[in-house]
Amino acid sequence: MSTRDLIDAIQAGDSTKVDDAFNTVMVQKVSERLDAMRDDLSQNMFRAVDSSTQDTEPAAVETAEGDE
């Protein structure tokens, strides 16, 4: 079903067909958006991290002295 089918069902006043057409159209729209989001995520997942955001020096490790 398409958006046109939804409009036709609304004009005809058939609530069952309106409900079915609406649900079908929404499932298609959500599915298309999720596919686009998956593609975007997969393209950016392993992209190099900006070096200015990485720590360049390791954190200092403190040791207790004289605790023998």
PDB file of N, CA and C in Angstrom:
ATOM      1  N   MET A   1       0.836  -1.169   0.000  1.00  0.00           N
ATOM      2  CA  MET A   1       0.000   0.000   0.000  1.00  0.00           C
ATOM      3  C   MET A   1       0.887   1.240   0.000  1.00  0.00           C
ATOM      4  N   SER A   2       0.324   2.302  -0.475  1.00  0.00           N
ATOM      5  CA  SER A   2       1.065   3.551  -0.571  1.00  0.00           C
ATOM      6  C   SER A   2       0.287   4.668   0.115  1.00  0.00           C
ATOM      7  N   THR A   3       0.898   5.819   0.126  1.00  0.00           N
ATOM      8  CA  THR A   3       0.232   6.985   0.693  1.00  0.00           C
ATOM      9  C   THR A   3      -1.047   7.286  -0.088  1.00  0.00           C
ATOM     10  N   ARG A   4      -0.996   7.059  -1.379  1.00  0.00           N
ATOM     11  CA  ARG A   4      -2.191   7.275  -2.221  1.00  0.00           C
ATOM     12  C   ARG A   4      -3.319   6.343  -1.784  1.00  0.00           C
ATOM     13  N   ASP A   5      -2.997   5.094  -1.459  1.00  0.00           N
ATOM     14  CA  ASP A   5      -4.012   4.146  -0.970  1.00  0.00           C
ATOM     15  C   ASP A   5      -4.617   4.633   0.339  1.00  0.00           C
ATOM     16  N   LEU A   6      -3.786   5.216   1.183  1.00  0.00           N
ATOM     17  CA  LEU A   6      -4.267   5.769   2.452  1.00  0.00           C
ATOM     18  C   LEU A   6      -5.258   6.898   2.200  1.00  0.00           C
ATOM     19  N   ILE A   7      -4.910   7.792   1.292  1.00  0.00           N
ATOM     20  CA  ILE A   7      -5.804   8.909   0.969  1.00  0.00           C
ATOM     21  C   ILE A   7      -7.112   8.407   0.377  1.00  0.00           C
ATOM     22  N   ASP A   8      -7.024   7.437  -0.513  1.00  0.00           N
ATOM     23  CA  ASP A   8      -8.246   6.873  -1.120  1.00  0.00           C
ATOM     24  C   ASP A   8      -9.136   6.239  -0.065  1.00  0.00           C
ATOM     25  N   ALA A   9      -8.524   5.536   0.894  1.00  0.00           N
ATOM     26  CA  ALA A   9      -9.307   4.885   1.952  1.00  0.00           C
ATOM     27  C   ALA A   9      -9.971   5.928   2.853  1.00  0.00           C
ATOM     28  N   ILE A  10      -9.282   7.037   3.112  1.00  0.00           N
ATOM     29  CA  ILE A  10      -9.861   8.111   3.918  1.00  0.00           C
ATOM     30  C   ILE A  10     -11.057   8.715   3.190  1.00  0.00           C
ATOM     31  N   GLN A  11     -10.882   8.962   1.899  1.00  0.00           N
ATOM     32  CA  GLN A  11     -11.969   9.543   1.109  1.00  0.00           C
ATOM     33  C   GLN A  11     -13.168   8.603   1.034  1.00  0.00           C
ATOM     34  N   ALA A  12     -12.896   7.299   0.992  1.00  0.00           N
ATOM     35  CA  ALA A  12     -13.973   6.320   0.909  1.00  0.00           C
ATOM     36  C   ALA A  12     -14.647   6.110   2.264  1.00  0.00           C
ATOM     37  N   GLY A  13     -13.971   6.522   3.334  1.00  0.00           N
ATOM     38  CA  GLY A  13     -14.543   6.366   4.668  1.00  0.00           C
ATOM     39  C   GLY A  13     -14.435   4.956   5.211  1.00  0.00           C
ATOM     40  N   ASP A  14     -13.534   4.156   4.673  1.00  0.00           N
ATOM     41  CA  ASP A  14     -13.351   2.769   5.110  1.00  0.00           C
ATOM     42  C   ASP A  14     -12.272   2.739   6.199  1.00  0.00           C
ATOM     43  N   SER A  15     -12.713   2.696   7.442  1.00  0.00           N
ATOM     44  CA  SER A  15     -11.771   2.792   8.565  1.00  0.00           C
ATOM     45  C   SER A  15     -10.806   1.613   8.644  1.00  0.00           C
ATOM     46  N   THR A  16     -11.233   0.447   8.238  1.00  0.00           N
ATOM     47  CA  THR A  16     -10.357  -0.729   8.263  1.00  0.00           C
ATOM     48  C   THR A  16      -9.219  -0.555   7.264  1.00  0.00           C
ATOM     49  N   LYS A  17      -9.562  -0.102   6.059  1.00  0.00           N
ATOM     50  CA  LYS A  17      -8.529   0.121   5.048  1.00  0.00           C
ATOM     51  C   LYS A  17      -7.626   1.292   5.424  1.00  0.00           C
ATOM     52  N   VAL A  18      -8.198   2.317   6.075  1.00  0.00           N
ATOM     53  CA  VAL A  18      -7.386   3.443   6.534  1.00  0.00           C
ATOM     54  C   VAL A  18      -6.357   2.947   7.535  1.00  0.00           C
ATOM     55  N   ASP A  19      -6.786   2.148   8.478  1.00  0.00           N
ATOM     56  CA  ASP A  19      -5.889   1.618   9.500  1.00  0.00           C
ATOM     57  C   ASP A  19      -4.792   0.760   8.869  1.00  0.00           C
ATOM     58  N   ASP A  20      -5.185  -0.133   7.967  1.00  0.00           N
ATOM     59  CA  ASP A  20      -4.208  -1.004   7.304  1.00  0.00           C
ATOM     60  C   ASP A  20      -3.222  -0.197   6.464  1.00  0.00           C
ATOM     61  N   ALA A  21      -3.736   0.755   5.693  1.00  0.00           N
ATOM     62  CA  ALA A  21      -2.868   1.570   4.837  1.00  0.00           C
ATOM     63  C   ALA A  21      -1.919   2.413   5.674  1.00  0.00           C
ATOM     64  N   PHE A  22      -2.430   3.010   6.745  1.00  0.00           N
ATOM     65  CA  PHE A  22      -1.583   3.828   7.620  1.00  0.00           C
ATOM     66  C   PHE A  22      -0.465   2.987   8.215  1.00  0.00           C
ATOM     67  N   ASN A  23      -0.806   1.833   8.751  1.00  0.00           N
ATOM     68  CA  ASN A  23       0.207   0.963   9.363  1.00  0.00           C
ATOM     69  C   ASN A  23       1.253   0.525   8.348  1.00  0.00           C
ATOM     70  N   THR A  24       0.815   0.196   7.141  1.00  0.00           N
ATOM     71  CA  THR A  24       1.744  -0.227   6.100  1.00  0.00           C
ATOM     72  C   THR A  24       2.689   0.897   5.715  1.00  0.00           C
ATOM     73  N   VAL A  25       2.140   2.087   5.525  1.00  0.00           N
ATOM     74  CA  VAL A  25       2.965   3.244   5.156  1.00  0.00           C
ATOM     75  C   VAL A  25       3.967   3.547   6.264  1.00  0.00           C
ATOM     76  N   MET A  26       3.533   3.512   7.516  1.00  0.00           N
ATOM     77  CA  MET A  26       4.432   3.815   8.628  1.00  0.00           C
ATOM     78  C   MET A  26       5.541   2.773   8.755  1.00  0.00           C
ATOM     79  N   VAL A  27       5.217   1.508   8.570  1.00  0.00           N
ATOM     80  CA  VAL A  27       6.240   0.455   8.627  1.00  0.00           C
ATOM     81  C   VAL A  27       7.274   0.682   7.531  1.00  0.00           C
ATOM     82  N   GLN A  28       6.819   1.051   6.343  1.00  0.00           N
ATOM     83  CA  GLN A  28       7.750   1.315   5.245  1.00  0.00           C
ATOM     84  C   GLN A  28       8.656   2.498   5.560  1.00  0.00           C
ATOM     85  N   LYS A  29       8.072   3.572   6.090  1.00  0.00           N
ATOM     86  CA  LYS A  29       8.855   4.773   6.404  1.00  0.00           C
ATOM     87  C   LYS A  29       9.887   4.485   7.497  1.00  0.00           C
ATOM     88  N   VAL A  30       9.490   3.787   8.540  1.00  0.00           N
ATOM     89  CA  VAL A  30      10.401   3.464   9.631  1.00  0.00           C
ATOM     90  C   VAL A  30      11.510   2.538   9.134  1.00  0.00           C
ATOM     91  N   SER A  31      11.141   1.567   8.314  1.00  0.00           N
ATOM     92  CA  SER A  31      12.131   0.639   7.780  1.00  0.00           C
ATOM     93  C   SER A  31      13.164   1.366   6.915  1.00  0.00           C
ATOM     94  N   GLU A  32      12.698   2.275   6.073  1.00  0.00           N
ATOM     95  CA  GLU A  32      13.612   3.049   5.234  1.00  0.00           C
ATOM     96  C   GLU A  32      14.561   3.890   6.091  1.00  0.00           C
ATOM     97  N   ARG A  33      14.038   4.505   7.125  1.00  0.00           N
ATOM     98  CA  ARG A  33      14.866   5.354   8.000  1.00  0.00           C
ATOM     99  C   ARG A  33      15.886   4.517   8.768  1.00  0.00           C
ATOM    100  N   LEU A  34      15.459   3.350   9.259  1.00  0.00           N
ATOM    101  CA  LEU A  34      16.395   2.476   9.976  1.00  0.00           C
ATOM    102  C   LEU A  34      17.504   1.984   9.054  1.00  0.00           C
ATOM    103  N   ASP A  35      17.161   1.667   7.815  1.00  0.00           N
ATOM    104  CA  ASP A  35      18.182   1.247   6.852  1.00  0.00           C
ATOM    105  C   ASP A  35      19.192   2.361   6.615  1.00  0.00           C
ATOM    106  N   ALA A  36      18.700   3.586   6.486  1.00  0.00           N
ATOM    107  CA  ALA A  36      19.597   4.720   6.277  1.00  0.00           C
ATOM    108  C   ALA A  36      20.497   4.926   7.498  1.00  0.00           C
ATOM    109  N   MET A  37      19.943   4.768   8.687  1.00  0.00           N
ATOM    110  CA  MET A  37      20.733   4.926   9.908  1.00  0.00           C
ATOM    111  C   MET A  37      21.783   3.821  10.024  1.00  0.00           C
ATOM    112  N   ARG A  38      21.426   2.600   9.650  1.00  0.00           N
ATOM    113  CA  ARG A  38      22.399   1.493   9.679  1.00  0.00           C
ATOM    114  C   ARG A  38      23.547   1.760   8.719  1.00  0.00           C
ATOM    115  N   ASP A  39      23.208   2.243   7.504  1.00  0.00           N
ATOM    116  CA  ASP A  39      24.250   2.558   6.535  1.00  0.00           C
ATOM    117  C   ASP A  39      25.184   3.630   7.068  1.00  0.00           C
ATOM    118  N   ASP A  40      24.622   4.675   7.646  1.00  0.00           N
ATOM    119  CA  ASP A  40      25.421   5.766   8.192  1.00  0.00           C
ATOM    120  C   ASP A  40      26.314   5.267   9.322  1.00  0.00           C
ATOM    121  N   LEU A  41      25.768   4.454  10.190  1.00  0.00           N
ATOM    122  CA  LEU A  41      26.539   3.913  11.309  1.00  0.00           C
ATOM    123  C   LEU A  41      27.675   3.028  10.809  1.00  0.00           C
ATOM    124  N   SER A  42      27.387   2.173   9.843  1.00  0.00           N
ATOM    125  CA  SER A  42      28.432   1.268   9.348  1.00  0.00           C
ATOM    126  C   SER A  42      29.538   2.029   8.624  1.00  0.00           C
ATOM    127  N   GLN A  43      29.206   3.136   7.974  1.00  0.00           N
ATOM    128  CA  GLN A  43      30.226   3.927   7.286  1.00  0.00           C
ATOM    129  C   GLN A  43      31.101   4.694   8.270  1.00  0.00           C
ATOM    130  N   ASN A  44      30.549   5.081   9.413  1.00  0.00           N
ATOM    131  CA  ASN A  44      31.290   5.900  10.362  1.00  0.00           C
ATOM    132  C   ASN A  44      31.858   5.123  11.544  1.00  0.00           C
ATOM    133  N   MET A  45      31.553   3.865  11.650  1.00  0.00           N
ATOM    134  CA  MET A  45      31.940   3.099  12.819  1.00  0.00           C
ATOM    135  C   MET A  45      33.449   3.036  13.011  1.00  0.00           C
ATOM    136  N   PHE A  46      34.177   2.799  11.965  1.00  0.00           N
ATOM    137  CA  PHE A  46      35.612   2.604  12.089  1.00  0.00           C
ATOM    138  C   PHE A  46      36.411   3.766  11.512  1.00  0.00           C
ATOM    139  N   ARG A  47      35.759   4.901  11.379  1.00  0.00           N
ATOM    140  CA  ARG A  47      36.449   6.097  10.892  1.00  0.00           C
ATOM    141  C   ARG A  47      37.483   6.516  11.940  1.00  0.00           C
ATOM    142  N   ALA A  48      38.601   7.020  11.500  1.00  0.00           N
ATOM    143  CA  ALA A  48      39.681   7.407  12.406  1.00  0.00           C
ATOM    144  C   ALA A  48      39.189   8.470  13.381  1.00  0.00           C
ATOM    145  N   VAL A  49      39.626   8.336  14.619  1.00  0.00           N
ATOM    146  CA  VAL A  49      39.272   9.286  15.658  1.00  0.00           C
ATOM    147  C   VAL A  49      40.179  10.496  15.532  1.00  0.00           C
ATOM    148  N   ASP A  50      39.630  11.678  15.718  1.00  0.00           N
ATOM    149  CA  ASP A  50      40.401  12.914  15.663  1.00  0.00           C
ATOM    150  C   ASP A  50      41.503  12.870  16.714  1.00  0.00           C
ATOM    151  N   SER A  51      42.741  13.090  16.301  1.00  0.00           N
ATOM    152  CA  SER A  51      43.873  12.967  17.220  1.00  0.00           C
ATOM    153  C   SER A  51      43.864  14.031  18.307  1.00  0.00           C
ATOM    154  N   SER A  52      43.189  15.132  18.111  1.00  0.00           N
ATOM    155  CA  SER A  52      43.155  16.174  19.138  1.00  0.00           C
ATOM    156  C   SER A  52      42.298  15.773  20.333  1.00  0.00           C
ATOM    157  N   THR A  53      41.479  14.767  20.191  1.00  0.00           N
ATOM    158  CA  THR A  53      40.640  14.327  21.303  1.00  0.00           C
ATOM    159  C   THR A  53      41.255  13.183  22.074  1.00  0.00           C
ATOM    160  N   GLN A  54      42.343  12.628  21.594  1.00  0.00           N
ATOM    161  CA  GLN A  54      42.985  11.510  22.276  1.00  0.00           C
ATOM    162  C   GLN A  54      44.019  12.021  23.263  1.00  0.00           C
ATOM    163  N   ASP A  55      44.183  11.293  24.367  1.00  0.00           N
ATOM    164  CA  ASP A  55      45.228  11.619  25.327  1.00  0.00           C
ATOM    165  C   ASP A  55      46.568  11.219  24.722  1.00  0.00           C
ATOM    166  N   THR A  56      47.536  12.125  24.790  1.00  0.00           N
ATOM    167  CA  THR A  56      48.843  11.812  24.222  1.00  0.00           C
ATOM    168  C   THR A  56      49.806  11.280  25.259  1.00  0.00           C
ATOM    169  N   GLU A  57      49.519  11.538  26.539  1.00  0.00           N
ATOM    170  CA  GLU A  57      50.378  11.040  27.600  1.00  0.00           C
ATOM    171  C   GLU A  57      49.591  10.064  28.456  1.00  0.00           C
ATOM    172  N   PRO A  58      50.198   8.935  28.782  1.00  0.00           N
ATOM    173  CA  PRO A  58      49.490   7.989  29.648  1.00  0.00           C
ATOM    174  C   PRO A  58      49.345   8.566  31.053  1.00  0.00           C
ATOM    175  N   ALA A  59      48.329   8.161  31.734  1.00  0.00           N
ATOM    176  CA  ALA A  59      48.096   8.641  33.101  1.00  0.00           C
ATOM    177  C   ALA A  59      49.193   8.112  34.020  1.00  0.00           C
ATOM    178  N   ALA A  60      49.607   8.940  34.951  1.00  0.00           N
ATOM    179  CA  ALA A  60      50.652   8.550  35.899  1.00  0.00           C
ATOM    180  C   ALA A  60      50.085   7.561  36.900  1.00  0.00           C
ATOM    181  N   VAL A  61      50.889   6.559  37.238  1.00  0.00           N
ATOM    182  CA  VAL A  61      50.472   5.566  38.213  1.00  0.00           C
ATOM    183  C   VAL A  61      51.120   5.917  39.528  1.00  0.00           C
ATOM    184  N   GLU A  62      50.307   6.111  40.552  1.00  0.00           N
ATOM    185  CA  GLU A  62      50.839   6.449  41.862  1.00  0.00           C
ATOM    186  C   GLU A  62      51.099   5.173  42.655  1.00  0.00           C
ATOM    187  N   THR A  63      52.252   5.149  43.323  1.00  0.00           N
ATOM    188  CA  THR A  63      52.568   4.003  44.161  1.00  0.00           C
ATOM    189  C   THR A  63      52.772   4.487  45.580  1.00  0.00           C
ATOM    190  N   ALA A  64      52.403   3.653  46.502  1.00  0.00           N
ATOM    191  CA  ALA A  64      52.583   4.007  47.909  1.00  0.00           C
ATOM    192  C   ALA A  64      54.006   3.685  48.311  1.00  0.00           C
ATOM    193  N   GLU A  65      54.678   4.648  48.908  1.00  0.00           N
ATOM    194  CA  GLU A  65      56.061   4.437  49.347  1.00  0.00           C
ATOM    195  C   GLU A  65      56.090   4.317  50.862  1.00  0.00           C
ATOM    196  N   GLY A  66      56.910   3.434  51.364  1.00  0.00           N
ATOM    197  CA  GLY A  66      57.087   3.280  52.808  1.00  0.00           C
ATOM    198  C   GLY A  66      55.978   2.492  53.464  1.00  0.00           C
ATOM    199  N   ASP A  67      55.202   1.717  52.718  1.00  0.00           N
ATOM    200  CA  ASP A  67      54.138   0.898  53.283  1.00  0.00           C
ATOM    201  C   ASP A  67      54.612  -0.547  53.499  1.00  0.00           C
ATOM    202  N   GLU A  68      55.862  -0.722  53.907  1.00  0.00           N
ATOM    203  CA  GLU A  68      56.377  -2.078  54.065  1.00  0.00           C
ATOM    204  C   GLU A  68      56.225  -2.570  55.460  1.00  0.00           C
TER     205      GLU A  68
END
